[in-house]
Protein backbone atom coordinates (compact mmCIF):
# COMPACT_ATOMS: atom_id res chain seq x y z
CA MET A 1 -2.70 81.43 -49.98
CA VAL A 2 -2.42 82.49 -53.59
CA VAL A 3 -5.23 84.63 -54.93
CA GLU A 4 -5.81 84.40 -58.69
CA LYS A 5 -7.57 86.98 -60.79
CA ASN A 6 -8.64 86.76 -64.41
CA ILE A 7 -7.57 89.99 -66.17
CA GLY A 8 -8.48 89.01 -69.73
CA HIS A 9 -8.80 86.36 -72.40
CA CYS A 10 -6.46 85.36 -75.22
CA ARG A 11 -7.24 83.77 -78.56
CA VAL A 12 -5.09 81.13 -80.29
CA LEU A 13 -4.61 82.25 -83.87
CA LYS A 14 -3.78 80.25 -86.99
CA GLY A 15 -0.32 78.75 -86.64
CA GLY A 16 -0.56 78.60 -82.84
CA ASN A 17 0.15 82.28 -82.15
CA ILE A 18 -1.49 83.77 -79.08
CA ALA A 19 -2.96 87.28 -79.15
CA ILE A 20 -2.63 89.02 -75.75
CA PRO A 21 -5.19 91.85 -75.51
CA LYS A 22 -3.84 95.41 -75.16
CA GLU A 23 -5.43 95.88 -71.72
CA VAL A 24 -3.64 92.76 -70.40
CA ARG A 25 -0.30 93.80 -71.94
CA GLU A 26 -0.61 97.20 -70.29
CA LYS A 27 -1.40 95.68 -66.85
CA LEU A 28 1.59 93.34 -67.14
CA GLY A 29 3.94 95.96 -68.59
CA ILE A 30 4.54 93.93 -71.78
CA LYS A 31 5.64 95.99 -74.80
CA ASP A 32 6.42 95.14 -78.43
CA GLY A 33 9.57 93.05 -78.65
CA ASP A 34 9.46 91.80 -75.03
CA PHE A 35 9.90 88.14 -74.27
CA VAL A 36 7.44 86.25 -72.06
CA ASP A 37 7.63 82.85 -70.39
CA LEU A 38 4.62 80.53 -70.39
CA LEU A 39 4.63 78.37 -67.29
CA VAL A 40 2.30 75.42 -66.79
CA THR A 41 1.31 74.79 -63.19
CA ARG A 42 0.61 71.41 -61.64
CA TYR A 43 -3.09 72.23 -62.06
CA ARG A 44 -2.60 72.69 -65.84
CA ALA A 45 -3.02 76.48 -65.64
CA ILE A 46 -0.72 78.69 -67.75
CA LYS A 47 1.03 81.66 -66.22
CA ILE A 48 2.51 84.44 -68.41
CA ILE A 49 5.66 86.01 -66.99
CA LYS A 50 7.58 88.86 -68.58
CA PHE A 51 11.11 87.58 -69.25
CA LYS A 52 14.04 89.81 -68.29
CA PHE A 53 17.58 89.41 -69.51
CA ASP A 54 20.27 89.89 -66.88
């Protein structure tokens, strides 16, 4: 069973940019210049995953 937890809210800005709040970036370990993947689940939810280059 997957447990989901809401850790914050994002706002879509002019031009389609998404602002991820500082608290959420800190919890996910996202820093300036990092890449993230946006995955859409079969339930139309969006998951943000920090992208790592190998």
